[in-house]
mmCIF file of all heavy atoms, coordinates in Angstrom:
data_MODEL
# 
_entry.id   MODEL 
# 
loop_
_atom_site.group_PDB 
_atom_site.id 
_atom_site.type_symbol 
_atom_site.label_atom_id 
_atom_site.label_alt_id 
_atom_site.label_comp_id 
_atom_site.label_asym_id 
_atom_site.label_entity_id 
_atom_site.label_seq_id 
_atom_site.pdbx_PDB_ins_code 
_atom_site.Cartn_x 
_atom_site.Cartn_y 
_atom_site.Cartn_z 
_atom_site.occupancy 
_atom_site.B_iso_or_equiv 
_atom_site.pdbx_formal_charge 
_atom_site.auth_seq_id 
_atom_site.auth_comp_id 
_atom_site.auth_asym_id 
_atom_site.auth_atom_id 
_atom_site.pdbx_PDB_model_num 
ATOM 1   N N   . PHE A 1 1  ? -11.682 -7.218 11.701  1.00 0.00 ? 1  PHE A N   1 
ATOM 2   C CA  . PHE A 1 1  ? -12.069 -6.306 10.620  1.00 0.00 ? 1  PHE A CA  1 
ATOM 3   C C   . PHE A 1 1  ? -11.171 -5.069 10.616  1.00 0.00 ? 1  PHE A C   1 
ATOM 4   O O   . PHE A 1 1  ? -10.752 -4.588 9.546   1.00 0.00 ? 1  PHE A O   1 
ATOM 5   C CB  . PHE A 1 1  ? -13.533 -5.890 10.780  1.00 0.00 ? 1  PHE A CB  1 
ATOM 6   C CG  . PHE A 1 1  ? -13.995 -4.878 9.774   1.00 0.00 ? 1  PHE A CG  1 
ATOM 7   C CD1 . PHE A 1 1  ? -14.271 -5.255 8.462   1.00 0.00 ? 1  PHE A CD1 1 
ATOM 8   C CD2 . PHE A 1 1  ? -14.135 -3.545 10.124  1.00 0.00 ? 1  PHE A CD2 1 
ATOM 9   C CE1 . PHE A 1 1  ? -14.678 -4.318 7.526   1.00 0.00 ? 1  PHE A CE1 1 
ATOM 10  C CE2 . PHE A 1 1  ? -14.547 -2.604 9.201   1.00 0.00 ? 1  PHE A CE2 1 
ATOM 11  C CZ  . PHE A 1 1  ? -14.819 -2.997 7.900   1.00 0.00 ? 1  PHE A CZ  1 
ATOM 12  N N   . ILE A 1 2  ? -10.837 -4.545 11.818  1.00 0.00 ? 2  ILE A N   1 
ATOM 13  C CA  . ILE A 1 2  ? -9.975  -3.366 11.903  1.00 0.00 ? 2  ILE A CA  1 
ATOM 14  C C   . ILE A 1 2  ? -8.592  -3.675 11.336  1.00 0.00 ? 2  ILE A C   1 
ATOM 15  O O   . ILE A 1 2  ? -8.041  -2.922 10.529  1.00 0.00 ? 2  ILE A O   1 
ATOM 16  C CB  . ILE A 1 2  ? -9.885  -2.882 13.365  1.00 0.00 ? 2  ILE A CB  1 
ATOM 17  C CG1 . ILE A 1 2  ? -11.232 -2.307 13.808  1.00 0.00 ? 2  ILE A CG1 1 
ATOM 18  C CG2 . ILE A 1 2  ? -8.774  -1.840 13.520  1.00 0.00 ? 2  ILE A CG2 1 
ATOM 19  C CD1 . ILE A 1 2  ? -11.300 -1.971 15.273  1.00 0.00 ? 2  ILE A CD1 1 
ATOM 20  N N   . PHE A 1 3  ? -8.007  -4.822 11.765  1.00 0.00 ? 3  PHE A N   1 
ATOM 21  C CA  . PHE A 1 3  ? -6.667  -5.156 11.293  1.00 0.00 ? 3  PHE A CA  1 
ATOM 22  C C   . PHE A 1 3  ? -6.681  -5.563 9.820   1.00 0.00 ? 3  PHE A C   1 
ATOM 23  O O   . PHE A 1 3  ? -5.710  -5.314 9.096   1.00 0.00 ? 3  PHE A O   1 
ATOM 24  C CB  . PHE A 1 3  ? -6.063  -6.272 12.146  1.00 0.00 ? 3  PHE A CB  1 
ATOM 25  C CG  . PHE A 1 3  ? -5.485  -5.786 13.432  1.00 0.00 ? 3  PHE A CG  1 
ATOM 26  C CD1 . PHE A 1 3  ? -6.199  -5.831 14.614  1.00 0.00 ? 3  PHE A CD1 1 
ATOM 27  C CD2 . PHE A 1 3  ? -4.212  -5.240 13.455  1.00 0.00 ? 3  PHE A CD2 1 
ATOM 28  C CE1 . PHE A 1 3  ? -5.662  -5.364 15.802  1.00 0.00 ? 3  PHE A CE1 1 
ATOM 29  C CE2 . PHE A 1 3  ? -3.652  -4.769 14.640  1.00 0.00 ? 3  PHE A CE2 1 
ATOM 30  C CZ  . PHE A 1 3  ? -4.388  -4.831 15.823  1.00 0.00 ? 3  PHE A CZ  1 
ATOM 31  N N   . LEU A 1 4  ? -7.777  -6.192 9.375   1.00 0.00 ? 4  LEU A N   1 
ATOM 32  C CA  . LEU A 1 4  ? -7.882  -6.511 7.950   1.00 0.00 ? 4  LEU A CA  1 
ATOM 33  C C   . LEU A 1 4  ? -7.935  -5.238 7.117   1.00 0.00 ? 4  LEU A C   1 
ATOM 34  O O   . LEU A 1 4  ? -7.280  -5.128 6.064   1.00 0.00 ? 4  LEU A O   1 
ATOM 35  C CB  . LEU A 1 4  ? -9.122  -7.372 7.700   1.00 0.00 ? 4  LEU A CB  1 
ATOM 36  C CG  . LEU A 1 4  ? -9.323  -7.865 6.256   1.00 0.00 ? 4  LEU A CG  1 
ATOM 37  C CD1 . LEU A 1 4  ? -8.168  -8.792 5.857   1.00 0.00 ? 4  LEU A CD1 1 
ATOM 38  C CD2 . LEU A 1 4  ? -10.649 -8.588 6.115   1.00 0.00 ? 4  LEU A CD2 1 
ATOM 39  N N   . SER A 1 5  ? -8.684  -4.250 7.603   1.00 0.00 ? 5  SER A N   1 
ATOM 40  C CA  . SER A 1 5  ? -8.729  -2.961 6.907   1.00 0.00 ? 5  SER A CA  1 
ATOM 41  C C   . SER A 1 5  ? -7.362  -2.295 6.921   1.00 0.00 ? 5  SER A C   1 
ATOM 42  O O   . SER A 1 5  ? -6.945  -1.677 5.942   1.00 0.00 ? 5  SER A O   1 
ATOM 43  C CB  . SER A 1 5  ? -9.768  -2.053 7.566   1.00 0.00 ? 5  SER A CB  1 
ATOM 44  O OG  . SER A 1 5  ? -11.058 -2.656 7.552   1.00 0.00 ? 5  SER A OG  1 
ATOM 45  N N   . SER A 1 6  ? -6.642  -2.453 8.063   1.00 0.00 ? 6  SER A N   1 
ATOM 46  C CA  . SER A 1 6  ? -5.298  -1.875 8.162   1.00 0.00 ? 6  SER A CA  1 
ATOM 47  C C   . SER A 1 6  ? -4.356  -2.532 7.164   1.00 0.00 ? 6  SER A C   1 
ATOM 48  O O   . SER A 1 6  ? -3.551  -1.851 6.509   1.00 0.00 ? 6  SER A O   1 
ATOM 49  C CB  . SER A 1 6  ? -4.760  -2.040 9.583   1.00 0.00 ? 6  SER A CB  1 
ATOM 50  O OG  . SER A 1 6  ? -5.606  -1.403 10.520  1.00 0.00 ? 6  SER A OG  1 
ATOM 51  N N   . LEU A 1 7  ? -4.446  -3.857 7.053   1.00 0.00 ? 7  LEU A N   1 
ATOM 52  C CA  . LEU A 1 7  ? -3.596  -4.556 6.077   1.00 0.00 ? 7  LEU A CA  1 
ATOM 53  C C   . LEU A 1 7  ? -3.922  -4.114 4.654   1.00 0.00 ? 7  LEU A C   1 
ATOM 54  O O   . LEU A 1 7  ? -3.031  -3.961 3.814   1.00 0.00 ? 7  LEU A O   1 
ATOM 55  C CB  . LEU A 1 7  ? -3.776  -6.064 6.225   1.00 0.00 ? 7  LEU A CB  1 
ATOM 56  C CG  . LEU A 1 7  ? -3.236  -6.685 7.517   1.00 0.00 ? 7  LEU A CG  1 
ATOM 57  C CD1 . LEU A 1 7  ? -3.553  -8.181 7.564   1.00 0.00 ? 7  LEU A CD1 1 
ATOM 58  C CD2 . LEU A 1 7  ? -1.731  -6.471 7.626   1.00 0.00 ? 7  LEU A CD2 1 
ATOM 59  N N   . GLY A 1 8  ? -5.221  -3.922 4.385   1.00 0.00 ? 8  GLY A N   1 
ATOM 60  C CA  . GLY A 1 8  ? -5.597  -3.426 3.060   1.00 0.00 ? 8  GLY A CA  1 
ATOM 61  C C   . GLY A 1 8  ? -5.022  -2.044 2.800   1.00 0.00 ? 8  GLY A C   1 
ATOM 62  O O   . GLY A 1 8  ? -4.533  -1.747 1.703   1.00 0.00 ? 8  GLY A O   1 
ATOM 63  N N   . LEU A 1 9  ? -5.077  -1.180 3.828   1.00 0.00 ? 9  LEU A N   1 
ATOM 64  C CA  . LEU A 1 9  ? -4.521  0.164  3.693   1.00 0.00 ? 9  LEU A CA  1 
ATOM 65  C C   . LEU A 1 9  ? -3.008  0.101  3.492   1.00 0.00 ? 9  LEU A C   1 
ATOM 66  O O   . LEU A 1 9  ? -2.443  0.837  2.660   1.00 0.00 ? 9  LEU A O   1 
ATOM 67  C CB  . LEU A 1 9  ? -4.854  0.988  4.938   1.00 0.00 ? 9  LEU A CB  1 
ATOM 68  C CG  . LEU A 1 9  ? -4.312  2.423  4.970   1.00 0.00 ? 9  LEU A CG  1 
ATOM 69  C CD1 . LEU A 1 9  ? -4.861  3.229  3.804   1.00 0.00 ? 9  LEU A CD1 1 
ATOM 70  C CD2 . LEU A 1 9  ? -4.662  3.090  6.300   1.00 0.00 ? 9  LEU A CD2 1 
ATOM 71  N N   . ILE A 1 10 ? -2.342  -0.813 4.239   1.00 0.00 ? 10 ILE A N   1 
ATOM 72  C CA  . ILE A 1 10 ? -0.894  -0.978 4.074   1.00 0.00 ? 10 ILE A CA  1 
ATOM 73  C C   . ILE A 1 10 ? -0.579  -1.428 2.653   1.00 0.00 ? 10 ILE A C   1 
ATOM 74  O O   . ILE A 1 10 ? 0.356   -0.921 2.011   1.00 0.00 ? 10 ILE A O   1 
ATOM 75  C CB  . ILE A 1 10 ? -0.357  -1.996 5.100   1.00 0.00 ? 10 ILE A CB  1 
ATOM 76  C CG1 . ILE A 1 10 ? -0.396  -1.402 6.507   1.00 0.00 ? 10 ILE A CG1 1 
ATOM 77  C CG2 . ILE A 1 10 ? 1.072   -2.419 4.760   1.00 0.00 ? 10 ILE A CG2 1 
ATOM 78  C CD1 . ILE A 1 10 ? -0.058  -2.400 7.601   1.00 0.00 ? 10 ILE A CD1 1 
ATOM 79  N N   . GLY A 1 11 ? -1.354  -2.400 2.156   1.00 0.00 ? 11 GLY A N   1 
ATOM 80  C CA  . GLY A 1 11 ? -1.132  -2.884 0.793   1.00 0.00 ? 11 GLY A CA  1 
ATOM 81  C C   . GLY A 1 11 ? -1.292  -1.781 -0.240  1.00 0.00 ? 11 GLY A C   1 
ATOM 82  O O   . GLY A 1 11 ? -0.489  -1.654 -1.172  1.00 0.00 ? 11 GLY A O   1 
ATOM 83  N N   . ILE A 1 12 ? -2.328  -0.935 -0.061  1.00 0.00 ? 12 ILE A N   1 
ATOM 84  C CA  . ILE A 1 12 ? -2.556  0.152  -1.010  1.00 0.00 ? 12 ILE A CA  1 
ATOM 85  C C   . ILE A 1 12 ? -1.410  1.166  -0.970  1.00 0.00 ? 12 ILE A C   1 
ATOM 86  O O   . ILE A 1 12 ? -0.907  1.612  -2.013  1.00 0.00 ? 12 ILE A O   1 
ATOM 87  C CB  . ILE A 1 12 ? -3.899  0.845  -0.702  1.00 0.00 ? 12 ILE A CB  1 
ATOM 88  C CG1 . ILE A 1 12 ? -5.071  -0.121 -0.987  1.00 0.00 ? 12 ILE A CG1 1 
ATOM 89  C CG2 . ILE A 1 12 ? -4.055  2.122  -1.515  1.00 0.00 ? 12 ILE A CG2 1 
ATOM 90  C CD1 . ILE A 1 12 ? -6.417  0.409  -0.564  1.00 0.00 ? 12 ILE A CD1 1 
ATOM 91  N N   . LEU A 1 13 ? -0.975  1.516  0.250   1.00 0.00 ? 13 LEU A N   1 
ATOM 92  C CA  . LEU A 1 13 ? 0.112   2.493  0.383   1.00 0.00 ? 13 LEU A CA  1 
ATOM 93  C C   . LEU A 1 13 ? 1.416   1.965  -0.209  1.00 0.00 ? 13 LEU A C   1 
ATOM 94  O O   . LEU A 1 13 ? 2.145   2.696  -0.899  1.00 0.00 ? 13 LEU A O   1 
ATOM 95  C CB  . LEU A 1 13 ? 0.315   2.851  1.855   1.00 0.00 ? 13 LEU A CB  1 
ATOM 96  C CG  . LEU A 1 13 ? -0.816  3.674  2.512   1.00 0.00 ? 13 LEU A CG  1 
ATOM 97  C CD1 . LEU A 1 13 ? -0.521  3.896  3.979   1.00 0.00 ? 13 LEU A CD1 1 
ATOM 98  C CD2 . LEU A 1 13 ? -0.994  5.011  1.793   1.00 0.00 ? 13 LEU A CD2 1 
ATOM 99  N N   . LEU A 1 14 ? 1.718   0.671  0.075   1.00 0.00 ? 14 LEU A N   1 
ATOM 100 C CA  . LEU A 1 14 ? 2.952   0.104  -0.474  1.00 0.00 ? 14 LEU A CA  1 
ATOM 101 C C   . LEU A 1 14 ? 2.877   -0.001 -1.993  1.00 0.00 ? 14 LEU A C   1 
ATOM 102 O O   . LEU A 1 14 ? 3.881   0.210  -2.697  1.00 0.00 ? 14 LEU A O   1 
ATOM 103 C CB  . LEU A 1 14 ? 3.215   -1.267 0.147   1.00 0.00 ? 14 LEU A CB  1 
ATOM 104 C CG  . LEU A 1 14 ? 3.535   -1.273 1.649   1.00 0.00 ? 14 LEU A CG  1 
ATOM 105 C CD1 . LEU A 1 14 ? 3.796   -2.700 2.123   1.00 0.00 ? 14 LEU A CD1 1 
ATOM 106 C CD2 . LEU A 1 14 ? 4.740   -0.396 1.945   1.00 0.00 ? 14 LEU A CD2 1 
ATOM 107 N N   . PHE A 1 15 ? 1.683   -0.332 -2.514  1.00 0.00 ? 15 PHE A N   1 
ATOM 108 C CA  . PHE A 1 15 ? 1.518   -0.404 -3.967  1.00 0.00 ? 15 PHE A CA  1 
ATOM 109 C C   . PHE A 1 15 ? 1.726   0.970  -4.602  1.00 0.00 ? 15 PHE A C   1 
ATOM 110 O O   . PHE A 1 15 ? 2.421   1.099  -5.623  1.00 0.00 ? 15 PHE A O   1 
ATOM 111 C CB  . PHE A 1 15 ? 0.125   -0.940 -4.300  1.00 0.00 ? 15 PHE A CB  1 
ATOM 112 C CG  . PHE A 1 15 ? -0.187  -0.935 -5.772  1.00 0.00 ? 15 PHE A CG  1 
ATOM 113 C CD1 . PHE A 1 15 ? 0.354   -1.893 -6.611  1.00 0.00 ? 15 PHE A CD1 1 
ATOM 114 C CD2 . PHE A 1 15 ? -1.016  0.037  -6.308  1.00 0.00 ? 15 PHE A CD2 1 
ATOM 115 C CE1 . PHE A 1 15 ? 0.079   -1.879 -7.970  1.00 0.00 ? 15 PHE A CE1 1 
ATOM 116 C CE2 . PHE A 1 15 ? -1.307  0.056  -7.657  1.00 0.00 ? 15 PHE A CE2 1 
ATOM 117 C CZ  . PHE A 1 15 ? -0.754  -0.907 -8.493  1.00 0.00 ? 15 PHE A CZ  1 
ATOM 118 N N   . LEU A 1 16 ? 1.112   2.009  -3.995  1.00 0.00 ? 16 LEU A N   1 
ATOM 119 C CA  . LEU A 1 16 ? 1.290   3.355  -4.528  1.00 0.00 ? 16 LEU A CA  1 
ATOM 120 C C   . LEU A 1 16 ? 2.746   3.795  -4.426  1.00 0.00 ? 16 LEU A C   1 
ATOM 121 O O   . LEU A 1 16 ? 3.275   4.453  -5.336  1.00 0.00 ? 16 LEU A O   1 
ATOM 122 C CB  . LEU A 1 16 ? 0.383   4.327  -3.760  1.00 0.00 ? 16 LEU A CB  1 
ATOM 123 C CG  . LEU A 1 16 ? -1.121  4.145  -3.968  1.00 0.00 ? 16 LEU A CG  1 
ATOM 124 C CD1 . LEU A 1 16 ? -1.898  5.105  -3.088  1.00 0.00 ? 16 LEU A CD1 1 
ATOM 125 C CD2 . LEU A 1 16 ? -1.504  4.354  -5.430  1.00 0.00 ? 16 LEU A CD2 1 
ATOM 126 N N   . LEU A 1 17 ? 3.399   3.420  -3.306  1.00 0.00 ? 17 LEU A N   1 
ATOM 127 C CA  . LEU A 1 17 ? 4.815   3.767  -3.145  1.00 0.00 ? 17 LEU A CA  1 
ATOM 128 C C   . LEU A 1 17 ? 5.665   3.132  -4.236  1.00 0.00 ? 17 LEU A C   1 
ATOM 129 O O   . LEU A 1 17 ? 6.541   3.779  -4.827  1.00 0.00 ? 17 LEU A O   1 
ATOM 130 C CB  . LEU A 1 17 ? 5.286   3.308  -1.765  1.00 0.00 ? 17 LEU A CB  1 
ATOM 131 C CG  . LEU A 1 17 ? 6.758   3.579  -1.420  1.00 0.00 ? 17 LEU A CG  1 
ATOM 132 C CD1 . LEU A 1 17 ? 7.002   5.066  -1.309  1.00 0.00 ? 17 LEU A CD1 1 
ATOM 133 C CD2 . LEU A 1 17 ? 7.125   2.878  -0.119  1.00 0.00 ? 17 LEU A CD2 1 
ATOM 134 N N   . LYS A 1 18 ? 5.389   1.866  -4.508  1.00 0.00 ? 18 LYS A N   1 
ATOM 135 C CA  . LYS A 1 18 ? 6.153   1.173  -5.548  1.00 0.00 ? 18 LYS A CA  1 
ATOM 136 C C   . LYS A 1 18 ? 5.879   1.770  -6.923  1.00 0.00 ? 18 LYS A C   1 
ATOM 137 O O   . LYS A 1 18 ? 6.801   1.936  -7.734  1.00 0.00 ? 18 LYS A O   1 
ATOM 138 C CB  . LYS A 1 18 ? 5.800   -0.311 -5.528  1.00 0.00 ? 18 LYS A CB  1 
ATOM 139 C CG  . LYS A 1 18 ? 6.611   -1.137 -6.522  1.00 0.00 ? 18 LYS A CG  1 
ATOM 140 C CD  . LYS A 1 18 ? 6.286   -2.611 -6.393  1.00 0.00 ? 18 LYS A CD  1 
ATOM 141 C CE  . LYS A 1 18 ? 7.112   -3.434 -7.391  1.00 0.00 ? 18 LYS A CE  1 
ATOM 142 N NZ  . LYS A 1 18 ? 6.807   -4.875 -7.302  1.00 0.00 ? 18 LYS A NZ  1 
ATOM 143 N N   . ARG A 1 19 ? 4.608   2.100  -7.185  1.00 0.00 ? 19 ARG A N   1 
ATOM 144 C CA  . ARG A 1 19 ? 4.263   2.676  -8.487  1.00 0.00 ? 19 ARG A CA  1 
ATOM 145 C C   . ARG A 1 19 ? 4.911   4.051  -8.676  1.00 0.00 ? 19 ARG A C   1 
ATOM 146 O O   . ARG A 1 19 ? 5.398   4.381  -9.766  1.00 0.00 ? 19 ARG A O   1 
ATOM 147 C CB  . ARG A 1 19 ? 2.745   2.805  -8.617  1.00 0.00 ? 19 ARG A CB  1 
ATOM 148 C CG  . ARG A 1 19 ? 2.028   1.476  -8.725  1.00 0.00 ? 19 ARG A CG  1 
ATOM 149 C CD  . ARG A 1 19 ? 2.231   0.818  -10.067 1.00 0.00 ? 19 ARG A CD  1 
ATOM 150 N NE  . ARG A 1 19 ? 1.707   1.624  -11.150 1.00 0.00 ? 19 ARG A NE  1 
ATOM 151 C CZ  . ARG A 1 19 ? 1.865   1.337  -12.431 1.00 0.00 ? 19 ARG A CZ  1 
ATOM 152 N NH1 . ARG A 1 19 ? 2.545   0.255  -12.781 1.00 0.00 ? 19 ARG A NH1 1 
ATOM 153 N NH2 . ARG A 1 19 ? 1.354   2.114  -13.364 1.00 0.00 ? 19 ARG A NH2 1 
ATOM 154 N N   . ILE A 1 20 ? 4.928   4.849  -7.608  1.00 0.00 ? 20 ILE A N   1 
ATOM 155 C CA  . ILE A 1 20 ? 5.465   6.204  -7.718  1.00 0.00 ? 20 ILE A CA  1 
ATOM 156 C C   . ILE A 1 20 ? 6.970   6.181  -7.935  1.00 0.00 ? 20 ILE A C   1 
ATOM 157 O O   . ILE A 1 20 ? 7.515   6.925  -8.765  1.00 0.00 ? 20 ILE A O   1 
ATOM 158 C CB  . ILE A 1 20 ? 5.101   7.013  -6.452  1.00 0.00 ? 20 ILE A CB  1 
ATOM 159 C CG1 . ILE A 1 20 ? 3.569   7.245  -6.405  1.00 0.00 ? 20 ILE A CG1 1 
ATOM 160 C CG2 . ILE A 1 20 ? 5.839   8.345  -6.432  1.00 0.00 ? 20 ILE A CG2 1 
ATOM 161 C CD1 . ILE A 1 20 ? 3.091   7.857  -5.120  1.00 0.00 ? 20 ILE A CD1 1 
ATOM 162 N N   . PHE A 1 21 ? 7.677   5.320  -7.192  1.00 0.00 ? 21 PHE A N   1 
ATOM 163 C CA  . PHE A 1 21 ? 9.137   5.306  -7.243  1.00 0.00 ? 21 PHE A CA  1 
ATOM 164 C C   . PHE A 1 21 ? 9.699   4.233  -8.156  1.00 0.00 ? 21 PHE A C   1 
ATOM 165 O O   . PHE A 1 21 ? 10.917  4.045  -8.189  1.00 0.00 ? 21 PHE A O   1 
ATOM 166 C CB  . PHE A 1 21 ? 9.701   5.105  -5.830  1.00 0.00 ? 21 PHE A CB  1 
ATOM 167 C CG  . PHE A 1 21 ? 9.552   6.316  -4.947  1.00 0.00 ? 21 PHE A CG  1 
ATOM 168 C CD1 . PHE A 1 21 ? 8.452   6.449  -4.114  1.00 0.00 ? 21 PHE A CD1 1 
ATOM 169 C CD2 . PHE A 1 21 ? 10.497  7.318  -4.980  1.00 0.00 ? 21 PHE A CD2 1 
ATOM 170 C CE1 . PHE A 1 21 ? 8.321   7.554  -3.297  1.00 0.00 ? 21 PHE A CE1 1 
ATOM 171 C CE2 . PHE A 1 21 ? 10.370  8.437  -4.160  1.00 0.00 ? 21 PHE A CE2 1 
ATOM 172 C CZ  . PHE A 1 21 ? 9.269   8.558  -3.319  1.00 0.00 ? 21 PHE A CZ  1 
ATOM 173 N N   . TYR A 1 22 ? 8.829   3.511  -8.867  1.00 0.00 ? 22 TYR A N   1 
ATOM 174 C CA  . TYR A 1 22 ? 9.324   2.393  -9.679  1.00 0.00 ? 22 TYR A CA  1 
ATOM 175 C C   . TYR A 1 22 ? 10.307  2.861  -10.745 1.00 0.00 ? 22 TYR A C   1 
ATOM 176 O O   . TYR A 1 22 ? 11.429  2.340  -10.857 1.00 0.00 ? 22 TYR A O   1 
ATOM 177 C CB  . TYR A 1 22 ? 8.157   1.652  -10.326 1.00 0.00 ? 22 TYR A CB  1 
ATOM 178 C CG  . TYR A 1 22 ? 8.598   0.601  -11.314 1.00 0.00 ? 22 TYR A CG  1 
ATOM 179 C CD1 . TYR A 1 22 ? 9.104   -0.622 -10.884 1.00 0.00 ? 22 TYR A CD1 1 
ATOM 180 C CD2 . TYR A 1 22 ? 8.521   0.842  -12.691 1.00 0.00 ? 22 TYR A CD2 1 
ATOM 181 C CE1 . TYR A 1 22 ? 9.526   -1.571 -11.779 1.00 0.00 ? 22 TYR A CE1 1 
ATOM 182 C CE2 . TYR A 1 22 ? 8.946   -0.110 -13.593 1.00 0.00 ? 22 TYR A CE2 1 
ATOM 183 C CZ  . TYR A 1 22 ? 9.439   -1.314 -13.134 1.00 0.00 ? 22 TYR A CZ  1 
ATOM 184 O OH  . TYR A 1 22 ? 9.861   -2.260 -14.030 1.00 0.00 ? 22 TYR A OH  1 
ATOM 185 N N   . HIS A 1 23 ? 9.894   3.854  -11.535 1.00 0.00 ? 23 HIS A N   1 
ATOM 186 C CA  . HIS A 1 23 ? 10.752  4.306  -12.638 1.00 0.00 ? 23 HIS A CA  1 
ATOM 187 C C   . HIS A 1 23 ? 12.044  4.930  -12.117 1.00 0.00 ? 23 HIS A C   1 
ATOM 188 O O   . HIS A 1 23 ? 13.125  4.702  -12.669 1.00 0.00 ? 23 HIS A O   1 
ATOM 189 C CB  . HIS A 1 23 ? 9.991   5.305  -13.514 1.00 0.00 ? 23 HIS A CB  1 
ATOM 190 C CG  . HIS A 1 23 ? 8.836   4.692  -14.251 1.00 0.00 ? 23 HIS A CG  1 
ATOM 191 N ND1 . HIS A 1 23 ? 9.010   3.768  -15.256 1.00 0.00 ? 23 HIS A ND1 1 
ATOM 192 C CD2 . HIS A 1 23 ? 7.490   4.838  -14.111 1.00 0.00 ? 23 HIS A CD2 1 
ATOM 193 C CE1 . HIS A 1 23 ? 7.832   3.380  -15.710 1.00 0.00 ? 23 HIS A CE1 1 
ATOM 194 N NE2 . HIS A 1 23 ? 6.898   4.014  -15.031 1.00 0.00 ? 23 HIS A NE2 1 
ATOM 195 N N   . TYR A 1 24 ? 11.924  5.719  -11.047 1.00 0.00 ? 24 TYR A N   1 
ATOM 196 C CA  . TYR A 1 24 ? 13.133  6.330  -10.477 1.00 0.00 ? 24 TYR A CA  1 
ATOM 197 C C   . TYR A 1 24 ? 14.079  5.255  -9.967  1.00 0.00 ? 24 TYR A C   1 
ATOM 198 O O   . TYR A 1 24 ? 15.290  5.296  -10.228 1.00 0.00 ? 24 TYR A O   1 
ATOM 199 C CB  . TYR A 1 24 ? 12.727  7.268  -9.345  1.00 0.00 ? 24 TYR A CB  1 
ATOM 200 C CG  . TYR A 1 24 ? 13.879  8.118  -8.836  1.00 0.00 ? 24 TYR A CG  1 
ATOM 201 C CD1 . TYR A 1 24 ? 14.165  9.350  -9.412  1.00 0.00 ? 24 TYR A CD1 1 
ATOM 202 C CD2 . TYR A 1 24 ? 14.668  7.680  -7.781  1.00 0.00 ? 24 TYR A CD2 1 
ATOM 203 C CE1 . TYR A 1 24 ? 15.217  10.125 -8.961  1.00 0.00 ? 24 TYR A CE1 1 
ATOM 204 C CE2 . TYR A 1 24 ? 15.728  8.446  -7.321  1.00 0.00 ? 24 TYR A CE2 1 
ATOM 205 C CZ  . TYR A 1 24 ? 15.995  9.662  -7.907  1.00 0.00 ? 24 TYR A CZ  1 
ATOM 206 O OH  . TYR A 1 24 ? 17.037  10.420 -7.459  1.00 0.00 ? 24 TYR A OH  1 
# 
């Protein structure tokens, strides 16, 4: 459960990173 939550957090952070820097 801890690592699954970590993977979810990683996915959210990478998604936000891609969304923020996509246009640039």
